[in-house]
Amino acid sequence: MLAETHTTVRVAVEAERVRGQRAVAALDRRLDGQHTPRLPQWGCDTCGQDWPCAPAQVRLSEAYGRDRVGLAMYMGAVYAAAVNDLPVTTNGETWTRFVSWVR
């Protein structure tokens, strides 16, 4: 018989926060130090555009190749980290900025 494990909301939120921090920490390596986000504003440190800027999107797409699901999951983790720093929006603007471009 399998033991039941109960996950509390607090544990789940903490796990998502840690996952987001790891994803953000890996950005410098994934982007070769170029077009990385300037935190906590989430602007590009190279071109000054909102991050992920077009060059960062291209670099991330190239890094993941045909693995769009992996890229979407990675950007979802980055999004989870970013929402803690960015102003609240109700129209999905932040989600569109970080995740929907992956399609």
N, C-alpha and C. Protein backbone atom coordinates (compact mmCIF):
# COMPACT_ATOMS: atom_id res chain seq x y z
N MET A 1 0.85 -1.17 0.00
CA MET A 1 0.00 0.00 0.00
C MET A 1 0.90 1.25 0.00
N LEU A 2 0.58 2.18 -0.84
CA LEU A 2 1.35 3.41 -0.92
C LEU A 2 0.92 4.37 0.17
N ALA A 3 1.90 5.00 0.76
CA ALA A 3 1.59 6.01 1.78
C ALA A 3 1.12 7.28 1.08
N GLU A 4 0.13 7.89 1.63
CA GLU A 4 -0.36 9.14 1.07
C GLU A 4 0.56 10.28 1.49
N THR A 5 0.84 11.15 0.54
CA THR A 5 1.59 12.35 0.88
C THR A 5 0.69 13.54 0.63
N HIS A 6 0.70 14.43 1.55
CA HIS A 6 -0.14 15.61 1.45
C HIS A 6 0.77 16.81 1.22
N THR A 7 0.45 17.56 0.20
CA THR A 7 1.19 18.77 -0.09
C THR A 7 0.33 19.95 0.31
N THR A 8 0.87 20.78 1.14
CA THR A 8 0.13 21.98 1.52
C THR A 8 0.39 23.06 0.48
N VAL A 9 -0.45 24.04 0.47
CA VAL A 9 -0.29 25.16 -0.45
C VAL A 9 1.05 25.83 -0.19
N ARG A 10 1.40 25.99 1.06
CA ARG A 10 2.66 26.64 1.41
C ARG A 10 3.86 25.87 0.82
N VAL A 11 3.83 24.54 0.92
CA VAL A 11 4.92 23.72 0.37
C VAL A 11 4.96 23.85 -1.15
N ALA A 12 3.80 23.83 -1.78
CA ALA A 12 3.75 23.94 -3.24
C ALA A 12 4.24 25.30 -3.71
N VAL A 13 3.86 26.37 -3.04
CA VAL A 13 4.30 27.71 -3.40
C VAL A 13 5.81 27.83 -3.22
N GLU A 14 6.34 27.29 -2.14
CA GLU A 14 7.78 27.34 -1.90
C GLU A 14 8.54 26.55 -2.97
N ALA A 15 8.01 25.40 -3.36
CA ALA A 15 8.66 24.60 -4.41
C ALA A 15 8.67 25.36 -5.73
N GLU A 16 7.59 26.05 -6.05
CA GLU A 16 7.53 26.84 -7.29
C GLU A 16 8.49 28.02 -7.22
N ARG A 17 8.63 28.64 -6.06
CA ARG A 17 9.56 29.76 -5.90
C ARG A 17 10.99 29.29 -6.14
N VAL A 18 11.35 28.16 -5.57
CA VAL A 18 12.70 27.60 -5.73
C VAL A 18 12.94 27.24 -7.19
N ARG A 19 11.96 26.63 -7.83
CA ARG A 19 12.10 26.28 -9.24
C ARG A 19 12.32 27.53 -10.09
N GLY A 20 11.59 28.59 -9.80
CA GLY A 20 11.77 29.85 -10.53
C GLY A 20 13.14 30.44 -10.30
N GLN A 21 13.62 30.40 -9.08
CA GLN A 21 14.97 30.92 -8.79
C GLN A 21 16.04 30.16 -9.56
N ARG A 22 15.90 28.85 -9.63
CA ARG A 22 16.87 28.04 -10.38
C ARG A 22 16.83 28.39 -11.87
N ALA A 23 15.64 28.57 -12.40
CA ALA A 23 15.50 28.91 -13.81
C ALA A 23 16.15 30.26 -14.11
N VAL A 24 15.93 31.23 -13.24
CA VAL A 24 16.52 32.56 -13.43
C VAL A 24 18.05 32.48 -13.31
N ALA A 25 18.53 31.70 -12.35
CA ALA A 25 19.98 31.55 -12.17
C ALA A 25 20.65 30.94 -13.39
N ALA A 26 19.94 30.14 -14.15
CA ALA A 26 20.50 29.49 -15.33
C ALA A 26 20.46 30.38 -16.58
N LEU A 27 19.78 31.51 -16.51
CA LEU A 27 19.64 32.35 -17.70
C LEU A 27 20.96 32.85 -18.24
N ASP A 28 21.86 33.26 -17.39
CA ASP A 28 23.14 33.79 -17.86
C ASP A 28 23.87 32.75 -18.70
N ARG A 29 23.86 31.52 -18.25
CA ARG A 29 24.51 30.44 -18.99
C ARG A 29 23.76 30.14 -20.29
N ARG A 30 22.46 30.09 -20.23
CA ARG A 30 21.67 29.76 -21.43
C ARG A 30 21.76 30.85 -22.50
N LEU A 31 21.96 32.09 -22.08
CA LEU A 31 22.02 33.21 -23.02
C LEU A 31 23.45 33.69 -23.28
N ASP A 32 24.43 32.94 -22.83
CA ASP A 32 25.85 33.30 -23.01
C ASP A 32 26.15 34.71 -22.51
N GLY A 33 25.46 35.12 -21.45
CA GLY A 33 25.73 36.42 -20.84
C GLY A 33 25.22 37.61 -21.61
N GLN A 34 24.48 37.39 -22.69
CA GLN A 34 23.95 38.49 -23.50
C GLN A 34 22.42 38.48 -23.44
N HIS A 35 21.85 39.65 -23.41
CA HIS A 35 20.40 39.82 -23.35
C HIS A 35 19.79 39.08 -22.16
N THR A 36 20.43 39.22 -21.03
CA THR A 36 19.93 38.65 -19.78
C THR A 36 19.07 39.69 -19.06
N PRO A 37 18.17 39.25 -18.20
CA PRO A 37 17.30 40.22 -17.53
C PRO A 37 18.02 40.96 -16.41
N ARG A 38 17.69 42.22 -16.29
CA ARG A 38 18.15 43.06 -15.17
C ARG A 38 17.02 43.02 -14.14
N LEU A 39 17.34 42.47 -13.00
CA LEU A 39 16.33 42.27 -11.96
C LEU A 39 16.39 43.39 -10.93
N PRO A 40 15.34 43.78 -10.32
CA PRO A 40 13.98 43.22 -10.37
C PRO A 40 13.10 43.86 -11.44
N GLN A 41 13.65 44.72 -12.29
CA GLN A 41 12.82 45.40 -13.29
C GLN A 41 12.45 44.51 -14.47
N TRP A 42 13.22 43.47 -14.72
CA TRP A 42 13.02 42.55 -15.83
C TRP A 42 13.11 43.27 -17.18
N GLY A 43 14.14 44.14 -17.26
CA GLY A 43 14.49 44.75 -18.53
C GLY A 43 15.76 44.08 -19.03
N CYS A 44 15.99 44.12 -20.33
CA CYS A 44 17.18 43.49 -20.90
C CYS A 44 18.40 44.34 -20.57
N ASP A 45 19.45 43.70 -20.07
CA ASP A 45 20.66 44.45 -19.70
C ASP A 45 21.49 44.84 -20.91
N THR A 46 21.16 44.31 -22.09
CA THR A 46 21.91 44.64 -23.31
C THR A 46 21.21 45.70 -24.14
N CYS A 47 19.91 45.50 -24.42
CA CYS A 47 19.21 46.43 -25.32
C CYS A 47 18.19 47.32 -24.61
N GLY A 48 17.90 47.05 -23.35
CA GLY A 48 16.99 47.89 -22.57
C GLY A 48 15.51 47.61 -22.78
N GLN A 49 15.15 46.70 -23.67
CA GLN A 49 13.75 46.36 -23.90
C GLN A 49 13.22 45.52 -22.74
N ASP A 50 11.91 45.38 -22.68
CA ASP A 50 11.33 44.45 -21.71
C ASP A 50 11.89 43.06 -22.00
N TRP A 51 12.24 42.35 -20.92
CA TRP A 51 12.77 41.00 -21.09
C TRP A 51 11.64 39.99 -20.98
N PRO A 52 11.58 38.96 -21.80
CA PRO A 52 12.58 38.56 -22.78
C PRO A 52 12.44 39.36 -24.08
N CYS A 53 13.50 40.03 -24.44
CA CYS A 53 13.54 40.80 -25.68
C CYS A 53 13.64 39.82 -26.86
N ALA A 54 13.50 40.33 -28.06
CA ALA A 54 13.53 39.46 -29.25
C ALA A 54 14.84 38.66 -29.35
N PRO A 55 16.01 39.28 -29.13
CA PRO A 55 17.24 38.47 -29.19
C PRO A 55 17.28 37.36 -28.13
N ALA A 56 16.76 37.62 -26.93
CA ALA A 56 16.72 36.58 -25.89
C ALA A 56 15.78 35.46 -26.31
N GLN A 57 14.65 35.81 -26.92
CA GLN A 57 13.72 34.79 -27.39
C GLN A 57 14.37 33.90 -28.45
N VAL A 58 15.11 34.53 -29.36
CA VAL A 58 15.79 33.75 -30.41
C VAL A 58 16.83 32.83 -29.78
N ARG A 59 17.63 33.35 -28.87
CA ARG A 59 18.67 32.53 -28.23
C ARG A 59 18.07 31.37 -27.44
N LEU A 60 17.00 31.64 -26.70
CA LEU A 60 16.35 30.57 -25.95
C LEU A 60 15.73 29.54 -26.88
N SER A 61 15.11 30.00 -27.96
CA SER A 61 14.54 29.07 -28.94
C SER A 61 15.62 28.20 -29.55
N GLU A 62 16.76 28.79 -29.86
CA GLU A 62 17.87 28.01 -30.42
C GLU A 62 18.40 27.01 -29.40
N ALA A 63 18.47 27.42 -28.15
CA ALA A 63 18.99 26.53 -27.10
C ALA A 63 18.09 25.30 -26.92
N TYR A 64 16.79 25.48 -27.06
CA TYR A 64 15.85 24.37 -26.87
C TYR A 64 15.54 23.64 -28.17
N GLY A 65 15.90 24.22 -29.29
CA GLY A 65 15.66 23.57 -30.57
C GLY A 65 14.19 23.25 -30.77
N ARG A 66 13.90 22.01 -31.07
CA ARG A 66 12.52 21.59 -31.34
C ARG A 66 11.73 21.27 -30.07
N ASP A 67 12.36 21.36 -28.93
CA ASP A 67 11.70 21.04 -27.66
C ASP A 67 10.91 22.25 -27.14
N ARG A 68 9.79 22.53 -27.80
CA ARG A 68 8.96 23.68 -27.42
C ARG A 68 8.31 23.48 -26.06
N VAL A 69 7.99 22.25 -25.73
CA VAL A 69 7.39 21.97 -24.43
C VAL A 69 8.39 22.28 -23.33
N GLY A 70 9.63 21.85 -23.50
CA GLY A 70 10.68 22.13 -22.52
C GLY A 70 10.90 23.63 -22.37
N LEU A 71 10.91 24.34 -23.50
CA LEU A 71 11.08 25.79 -23.45
C LEU A 71 9.90 26.45 -22.74
N ALA A 72 8.69 25.98 -23.02
CA ALA A 72 7.51 26.54 -22.35
C ALA A 72 7.55 26.29 -20.85
N MET A 73 7.99 25.10 -20.46
CA MET A 73 8.09 24.80 -19.03
C MET A 73 9.16 25.68 -18.38
N TYR A 74 10.28 25.84 -19.06
CA TYR A 74 11.35 26.69 -18.53
C TYR A 74 10.87 28.13 -18.38
N MET A 75 10.22 28.66 -19.41
CA MET A 75 9.75 30.04 -19.35
C MET A 75 8.62 30.18 -18.33
N GLY A 76 7.86 29.13 -18.10
CA GLY A 76 6.85 29.15 -17.04
C GLY A 76 7.49 29.32 -15.68
N ALA A 77 8.63 28.66 -15.48
CA ALA A 77 9.35 28.80 -14.22
C ALA A 77 9.91 30.21 -14.08
N VAL A 78 10.43 30.77 -15.18
CA VAL A 78 10.94 32.14 -15.15
C VAL A 78 9.79 33.11 -14.88
N TYR A 79 8.66 32.86 -15.51
CA TYR A 79 7.46 33.68 -15.28
C TYR A 79 7.07 33.67 -13.80
N ALA A 80 7.13 32.49 -13.19
CA ALA A 80 6.77 32.37 -11.77
C ALA A 80 7.67 33.23 -10.91
N ALA A 81 8.94 33.33 -11.28
CA ALA A 81 9.87 34.18 -10.54
C ALA A 81 9.58 35.66 -10.82
N ALA A 82 9.26 35.98 -12.06
CA ALA A 82 9.06 37.37 -12.45
C ALA A 82 7.82 37.99 -11.83
N VAL A 83 6.76 37.21 -11.66
CA VAL A 83 5.53 37.80 -11.13
C VAL A 83 5.70 38.33 -9.72
N ASN A 84 6.71 37.87 -9.03
CA ASN A 84 6.98 38.40 -7.69
C ASN A 84 7.59 39.80 -7.74
N ASP A 85 8.21 40.15 -8.86
CA ASP A 85 8.87 41.44 -9.00
C ASP A 85 8.05 42.47 -9.78
N LEU A 86 7.23 42.01 -10.69
CA LEU A 86 6.52 42.91 -11.60
C LEU A 86 5.16 43.32 -11.05
N PRO A 87 4.64 44.46 -11.50
CA PRO A 87 3.31 44.89 -11.07
C PRO A 87 2.25 43.88 -11.52
N VAL A 88 1.20 43.79 -10.75
CA VAL A 88 0.10 42.89 -11.06
C VAL A 88 -0.65 43.40 -12.28
N THR A 89 -0.94 42.52 -13.23
CA THR A 89 -1.78 42.86 -14.37
C THR A 89 -2.96 41.91 -14.39
N THR A 90 -4.06 42.38 -14.91
CA THR A 90 -5.26 41.54 -14.95
C THR A 90 -5.57 41.06 -16.36
N ASN A 91 -4.82 41.51 -17.35
CA ASN A 91 -5.14 41.17 -18.74
C ASN A 91 -4.22 40.11 -19.33
N GLY A 92 -3.41 39.48 -18.53
CA GLY A 92 -2.53 38.43 -19.02
C GLY A 92 -1.28 38.94 -19.70
N GLU A 93 -1.00 40.23 -19.58
CA GLU A 93 0.15 40.83 -20.25
C GLU A 93 1.47 40.17 -19.83
N THR A 94 1.63 39.89 -18.56
CA THR A 94 2.87 39.29 -18.09
C THR A 94 3.01 37.86 -18.61
N TRP A 95 1.94 37.10 -18.60
CA TRP A 95 1.97 35.73 -19.15
C TRP A 95 2.34 35.76 -20.64
N THR A 96 1.73 36.68 -21.37
CA THR A 96 2.03 36.80 -22.80
C THR A 96 3.50 37.14 -23.00
N ARG A 97 4.00 38.05 -22.22
CA ARG A 97 5.40 38.48 -22.34
C ARG A 97 6.37 37.34 -22.09
N PHE A 98 6.11 36.50 -21.10
CA PHE A 98 7.07 35.48 -20.70
C PHE A 98 6.83 34.12 -21.33
N VAL A 99 5.60 33.76 -21.62
CA VAL A 99 5.34 32.38 -22.00
C VAL A 99 4.69 32.22 -23.37
N SER A 100 3.73 33.03 -23.72
CA SER A 100 2.95 32.73 -24.94
C SER A 100 3.75 32.86 -26.23
N TRP A 101 4.85 33.58 -26.24
CA TRP A 101 5.68 33.68 -27.45
C TRP A 101 6.30 32.34 -27.83
N VAL A 102 6.32 31.41 -26.93
CA VAL A 102 6.99 30.12 -27.17
C VAL A 102 6.28 29.31 -28.26
N ARG A 103 5.01 29.51 -28.45
CA ARG A 103 4.24 28.73 -29.43
C ARG A 103 4.98 28.50 -30.66
